[in-house]
Amino acid sequence: MKKDIVPVVIIGGGPAGLTAAYELQKLSDTHVSQVYEIIGSFVKWKLRPKPQEDTFEEWVINRFGGRL
């Protein structure tokens, strides 16, 4: 049986967006490495956030990871 290819955009890089990306990648093996990079970045910045948030960019990285 042939699967239809449907383009998907996930808006948001928080826990819900990462879960949606993970569940979608289980259905298709394309872009698997990108999903794991984003999840890894999110976990990295949750475990070791920047101590001082001087810019909006640093604020976003501390909450959503650096890969987004």
Protein backbone atom coordinates (compact mmCIF):
# COMPACT_ATOMS: atom_id res chain seq x y z
CA MET A 1 0.00 0.00 0.00
CA LYS A 2 1.37 3.43 -0.96
CA LYS A 3 1.36 6.17 1.65
CA ASP A 4 0.33 9.66 0.64
CA ILE A 5 2.87 12.35 1.35
CA VAL A 6 1.35 15.28 3.17
CA PRO A 7 3.48 18.30 4.10
CA VAL A 8 3.18 19.21 7.78
CA VAL A 9 4.28 22.32 9.65
CA ILE A 10 4.56 22.21 13.42
CA ILE A 11 4.35 25.62 15.01
CA GLY A 12 5.95 25.73 18.42
CA GLY A 13 9.00 24.16 19.94
CA GLY A 14 7.76 23.50 23.43
CA PRO A 15 6.81 20.12 24.83
CA ALA A 16 3.65 19.83 22.71
CA GLY A 17 5.42 20.78 19.46
CA LEU A 18 8.29 18.41 20.13
CA THR A 19 5.88 15.60 20.97
CA ALA A 20 3.95 16.24 17.76
CA ALA A 21 7.20 16.16 15.75
CA TYR A 22 8.28 12.96 17.45
CA GLU A 23 4.95 11.22 16.82
CA LEU A 24 4.93 12.30 13.17
CA GLN A 25 8.48 11.13 12.59
CA LYS A 26 7.52 7.69 13.89
CA LEU A 27 5.12 7.47 10.93
CA SER A 28 7.83 8.45 8.46
CA ASP A 29 11.60 8.08 8.74
CA THR A 30 12.35 11.32 6.92
CA HIS A 31 13.96 14.15 8.88
CA VAL A 32 14.52 11.92 11.91
CA SER A 33 17.89 13.45 12.69
CA GLN A 34 16.45 16.98 12.68
CA VAL A 35 13.78 16.03 15.19
CA TYR A 36 16.36 14.50 17.53
CA GLU A 37 18.62 17.57 17.18
CA ILE A 38 15.76 19.83 18.20
CA ILE A 39 14.78 17.61 21.12
CA GLY A 40 18.42 17.42 22.22
CA SER A 41 18.76 21.19 22.07
CA PHE A 42 15.58 21.64 24.12
CA VAL A 43 16.79 19.21 26.80
CA LYS A 44 20.29 20.75 26.86
CA TRP A 45 19.00 24.25 27.58
CA LYS A 46 16.48 22.97 30.13
CA LEU A 47 19.26 21.24 32.06
CA ARG A 48 21.84 24.03 31.68
CA PRO A 49 20.14 27.37 30.93
CA LYS A 50 22.06 30.58 30.48
CA PRO A 51 22.27 32.15 33.95
CA GLN A 52 21.76 35.70 32.71
CA GLU A 53 19.15 36.58 30.08
CA ASP A 54 20.22 39.93 28.67
CA THR A 55 18.54 39.61 25.27
CA PHE A 56 15.27 38.30 23.86
CA GLU A 57 17.29 35.64 22.01
CA GLU A 58 18.73 34.31 25.28
CA TRP A 59 15.24 34.28 26.82
CA VAL A 60 13.90 32.24 23.89
CA ILE A 61 16.87 29.82 23.95
CA ASN A 62 16.42 29.16 27.67
CA ARG A 63 12.78 28.24 27.12
CA PHE A 64 12.78 26.50 23.73
CA GLY A 65 16.38 25.48 22.94
CA GLY A 66 18.95 26.87 20.56
CA ARG A 67 17.98 24.95 17.39
CA LEU A 68 14.65 26.66 16.84
